[in-house]
Amino acid sequence: MRPNMKADPRSWLLAWFAGHAKIDQDNIKPDTNYIERGLLDSFAFIALISDVEQEFRIRFSDGDFRKTDFLTISGLASIIERKMK
């Protein structure tokens, strides 16, 4: 199941997490560190990366994974938006 909201990465990510992290979309905050909170296991993390790259037609660099922004929905949405320009 992949959300279809290409125009808004933040909304797309919230919907993705609601579907893959088994958490109600209303209960996840965009600034929550999804790794620290344990919302994704390693397989779900790989699925997230793959789905984002495919949906938004971007590629993450090694440096992107090192950014603390990458660990929150807001931060990840910002990275996606920068890469889409």
N, C-alpha and C. Protein backbone atom coordinates (compact mmCIF):
# COMPACT_ATOMS: atom_id res chain seq x y z
N MET A 1 0.85 -1.18 0.00
CA MET A 1 0.00 0.00 0.00
C MET A 1 0.88 1.23 0.00
N ARG A 2 0.73 2.05 -1.03
CA ARG A 2 1.53 3.27 -1.11
C ARG A 2 0.60 4.46 -1.27
N PRO A 3 0.72 5.43 -0.36
CA PRO A 3 -0.10 6.64 -0.48
C PRO A 3 0.19 7.35 -1.79
N ASN A 4 -0.77 8.11 -2.28
CA ASN A 4 -0.59 8.82 -3.54
C ASN A 4 -0.78 10.30 -3.31
N MET A 5 0.22 10.96 -2.78
CA MET A 5 0.16 12.39 -2.50
C MET A 5 1.47 13.03 -2.90
N LYS A 6 1.84 12.91 -4.15
CA LYS A 6 3.15 13.37 -4.61
C LYS A 6 3.43 14.83 -4.30
N ALA A 7 2.43 15.68 -4.33
CA ALA A 7 2.66 17.11 -4.19
C ALA A 7 3.12 17.51 -2.79
N ASP A 8 2.81 16.71 -1.80
CA ASP A 8 3.11 17.08 -0.41
C ASP A 8 3.85 15.95 0.30
N PRO A 9 5.18 16.00 0.33
CA PRO A 9 5.95 14.93 0.97
C PRO A 9 5.57 14.66 2.43
N ARG A 10 5.26 15.71 3.18
CA ARG A 10 4.93 15.52 4.60
C ARG A 10 3.64 14.69 4.74
N SER A 11 2.62 15.03 3.99
CA SER A 11 1.36 14.26 4.05
C SER A 11 1.58 12.84 3.56
N TRP A 12 2.37 12.70 2.51
CA TRP A 12 2.66 11.37 1.98
C TRP A 12 3.37 10.53 3.04
N LEU A 13 4.36 11.12 3.71
CA LEU A 13 5.09 10.40 4.75
C LEU A 13 4.19 10.03 5.92
N LEU A 14 3.34 10.94 6.35
CA LEU A 14 2.42 10.62 7.45
C LEU A 14 1.52 9.45 7.07
N ALA A 15 1.02 9.45 5.85
CA ALA A 15 0.18 8.34 5.40
C ALA A 15 0.99 7.05 5.29
N TRP A 16 2.23 7.15 4.83
CA TRP A 16 3.08 5.97 4.72
C TRP A 16 3.30 5.36 6.11
N PHE A 17 3.64 6.19 7.06
CA PHE A 17 3.87 5.70 8.42
C PHE A 17 2.60 5.09 9.01
N ALA A 18 1.47 5.69 8.73
CA ALA A 18 0.20 5.14 9.23
C ALA A 18 -0.03 3.75 8.68
N GLY A 19 0.38 3.52 7.45
CA GLY A 19 0.18 2.21 6.84
C GLY A 19 1.25 1.19 7.15
N HIS A 20 2.46 1.63 7.40
CA HIS A 20 3.57 0.70 7.59
C HIS A 20 4.05 0.57 9.03
N ALA A 21 3.84 1.58 9.82
CA ALA A 21 4.33 1.54 11.19
C ALA A 21 3.22 1.17 12.16
N LYS A 22 2.05 0.89 11.63
CA LYS A 22 0.90 0.48 12.45
C LYS A 22 0.62 1.48 13.56
N ILE A 23 0.63 2.74 13.16
CA ILE A 23 0.33 3.81 14.10
C ILE A 23 -0.71 4.71 13.44
N ASP A 24 -1.64 5.18 14.21
CA ASP A 24 -2.68 6.08 13.72
C ASP A 24 -2.03 7.37 13.25
N GLN A 25 -2.40 7.82 12.06
CA GLN A 25 -1.81 9.02 11.49
C GLN A 25 -1.97 10.22 12.42
N ASP A 26 -3.02 10.26 13.21
CA ASP A 26 -3.24 11.38 14.13
C ASP A 26 -2.32 11.32 15.34
N ASN A 27 -1.68 10.16 15.58
CA ASN A 27 -0.83 9.99 16.76
C ASN A 27 0.66 10.11 16.48
N ILE A 28 1.02 10.34 15.25
CA ILE A 28 2.43 10.54 14.95
C ILE A 28 2.64 12.01 14.63
N LYS A 29 3.60 12.58 15.28
CA LYS A 29 3.91 13.99 15.11
C LYS A 29 5.07 14.12 14.13
N PRO A 30 5.04 15.13 13.28
CA PRO A 30 6.10 15.30 12.28
C PRO A 30 7.50 15.46 12.85
N ASP A 31 7.62 15.87 14.11
CA ASP A 31 8.95 16.05 14.69
C ASP A 31 9.39 14.88 15.57
N THR A 32 8.62 13.81 15.58
CA THR A 32 8.98 12.62 16.35
C THR A 32 10.13 11.88 15.66
N ASN A 33 11.13 11.50 16.42
CA ASN A 33 12.22 10.68 15.89
C ASN A 33 11.69 9.26 15.76
N TYR A 34 11.42 8.86 14.53
CA TYR A 34 10.78 7.56 14.31
C TYR A 34 11.70 6.38 14.59
N ILE A 35 13.00 6.58 14.59
CA ILE A 35 13.93 5.51 14.93
C ILE A 35 13.94 5.31 16.45
N GLU A 36 14.14 6.41 17.20
CA GLU A 36 14.14 6.32 18.66
C GLU A 36 12.82 5.77 19.19
N ARG A 37 11.74 6.13 18.56
CA ARG A 37 10.41 5.68 19.01
C ARG A 37 10.14 4.23 18.61
N GLY A 38 10.98 3.66 17.78
CA GLY A 38 10.82 2.26 17.39
C GLY A 38 9.68 2.01 16.42
N LEU A 39 9.37 3.01 15.60
CA LEU A 39 8.25 2.87 14.67
C LEU A 39 8.58 2.02 13.45
N LEU A 40 9.86 1.85 13.17
CA LEU A 40 10.28 1.07 12.01
C LEU A 40 11.33 0.04 12.41
N ASP A 41 11.20 -1.16 11.87
CA ASP A 41 12.29 -2.11 12.00
C ASP A 41 13.18 -1.94 10.76
N SER A 42 14.23 -2.71 10.65
CA SER A 42 15.18 -2.52 9.55
C SER A 42 14.54 -2.76 8.19
N PHE A 43 13.61 -3.72 8.09
CA PHE A 43 12.95 -3.98 6.82
C PHE A 43 12.03 -2.83 6.43
N ALA A 44 11.31 -2.28 7.39
CA ALA A 44 10.42 -1.16 7.12
C ALA A 44 11.23 0.09 6.74
N PHE A 45 12.40 0.26 7.35
CA PHE A 45 13.25 1.39 7.01
C PHE A 45 13.69 1.31 5.55
N ILE A 46 14.08 0.13 5.12
CA ILE A 46 14.48 -0.07 3.72
C ILE A 46 13.29 0.17 2.80
N ALA A 47 12.12 -0.30 3.19
CA ALA A 47 10.91 -0.06 2.39
C ALA A 47 10.63 1.44 2.29
N LEU A 48 10.80 2.17 3.40
CA LEU A 48 10.58 3.61 3.39
C LEU A 48 11.49 4.28 2.37
N ILE A 49 12.77 3.96 2.42
CA ILE A 49 13.74 4.56 1.51
C ILE A 49 13.38 4.25 0.06
N SER A 50 13.09 3.00 -0.20
CA SER A 50 12.74 2.58 -1.55
C SER A 50 11.47 3.27 -2.04
N ASP A 51 10.44 3.29 -1.20
CA ASP A 51 9.18 3.91 -1.59
C ASP A 51 9.32 5.41 -1.83
N VAL A 52 10.08 6.09 -0.97
CA VAL A 52 10.28 7.53 -1.15
C VAL A 52 11.03 7.80 -2.45
N GLU A 53 12.11 7.05 -2.69
CA GLU A 53 12.89 7.27 -3.90
C GLU A 53 12.04 7.02 -5.15
N GLN A 54 11.23 6.00 -5.11
CA GLN A 54 10.38 5.69 -6.25
C GLN A 54 9.25 6.71 -6.41
N GLU A 55 8.59 7.04 -5.34
CA GLU A 55 7.44 7.95 -5.39
C GLU A 55 7.83 9.35 -5.85
N PHE A 56 8.95 9.85 -5.32
CA PHE A 56 9.34 11.23 -5.60
C PHE A 56 10.45 11.33 -6.64
N ARG A 57 10.85 10.19 -7.18
CA ARG A 57 11.88 10.13 -8.22
C ARG A 57 13.15 10.88 -7.81
N ILE A 58 13.62 10.52 -6.61
CA ILE A 58 14.86 11.10 -6.08
C ILE A 58 15.78 9.96 -5.68
N ARG A 59 17.01 10.29 -5.36
CA ARG A 59 17.97 9.33 -4.82
C ARG A 59 18.63 9.96 -3.60
N PHE A 60 18.67 9.21 -2.52
CA PHE A 60 19.36 9.67 -1.33
C PHE A 60 20.85 9.38 -1.47
N SER A 61 21.65 10.28 -0.93
CA SER A 61 23.09 10.06 -0.89
C SER A 61 23.45 9.52 0.49
N ASP A 62 24.67 9.02 0.63
CA ASP A 62 25.14 8.56 1.94
C ASP A 62 25.06 9.69 2.96
N GLY A 63 25.37 10.90 2.53
CA GLY A 63 25.31 12.05 3.42
C GLY A 63 23.92 12.33 3.94
N ASP A 64 22.90 12.06 3.13
CA ASP A 64 21.52 12.27 3.59
C ASP A 64 21.20 11.42 4.81
N PHE A 65 21.69 10.20 4.82
CA PHE A 65 21.40 9.29 5.92
C PHE A 65 22.07 9.72 7.22
N ARG A 66 23.09 10.54 7.11
CA ARG A 66 23.82 11.00 8.30
C ARG A 66 23.20 12.24 8.93
N LYS A 67 22.30 12.89 8.22
CA LYS A 67 21.66 14.11 8.72
C LYS A 67 20.63 13.77 9.78
N THR A 68 20.62 14.53 10.86
CA THR A 68 19.61 14.31 11.89
C THR A 68 18.21 14.60 11.35
N ASP A 69 18.12 15.45 10.34
CA ASP A 69 16.82 15.73 9.70
C ASP A 69 16.17 14.45 9.19
N PHE A 70 16.99 13.50 8.81
CA PHE A 70 16.48 12.27 8.21
C PHE A 70 15.65 11.44 9.19
N LEU A 71 15.76 11.73 10.48
CA LEU A 71 15.14 10.90 11.51
C LEU A 71 13.74 11.34 11.92
N THR A 72 13.24 12.42 11.31
CA THR A 72 11.88 12.87 11.59
C THR A 72 11.13 13.04 10.28
N ILE A 73 9.83 12.99 10.35
CA ILE A 73 9.02 13.17 9.15
C ILE A 73 9.21 14.58 8.59
N SER A 74 9.23 15.58 9.44
CA SER A 74 9.44 16.95 8.97
C SER A 74 10.78 17.10 8.29
N GLY A 75 11.80 16.58 8.91
CA GLY A 75 13.14 16.66 8.34
C GLY A 75 13.26 15.91 7.04
N LEU A 76 12.70 14.71 7.01
CA LEU A 76 12.75 13.90 5.79
C LEU A 76 11.97 14.58 4.67
N ALA A 77 10.83 15.18 5.00
CA ALA A 77 10.04 15.91 4.00
C ALA A 77 10.86 17.07 3.43
N SER A 78 11.61 17.76 4.28
CA SER A 78 12.46 18.86 3.82
C SER A 78 13.55 18.37 2.88
N ILE A 79 14.15 17.24 3.21
CA ILE A 79 15.18 16.66 2.34
C ILE A 79 14.57 16.31 0.99
N ILE A 80 13.41 15.69 1.00
CA ILE A 80 12.72 15.31 -0.25
C ILE A 80 12.42 16.56 -1.07
N GLU A 81 11.89 17.59 -0.44
CA GLU A 81 11.55 18.82 -1.16
C GLU A 81 12.78 19.46 -1.79
N ARG A 82 13.91 19.46 -1.08
CA ARG A 82 15.15 20.01 -1.64
C ARG A 82 15.62 19.21 -2.84
N LYS A 83 15.51 17.90 -2.76
CA LYS A 83 15.95 17.03 -3.84
C LYS A 83 15.03 17.12 -5.06
N MET A 84 13.78 17.48 -4.86
CA MET A 84 12.84 17.56 -5.97
C MET A 84 13.03 18.83 -6.81
N LYS A 85 13.77 19.79 -6.30
CA LYS A 85 13.97 21.06 -7.03
C LYS A 85 14.97 20.91 -8.13
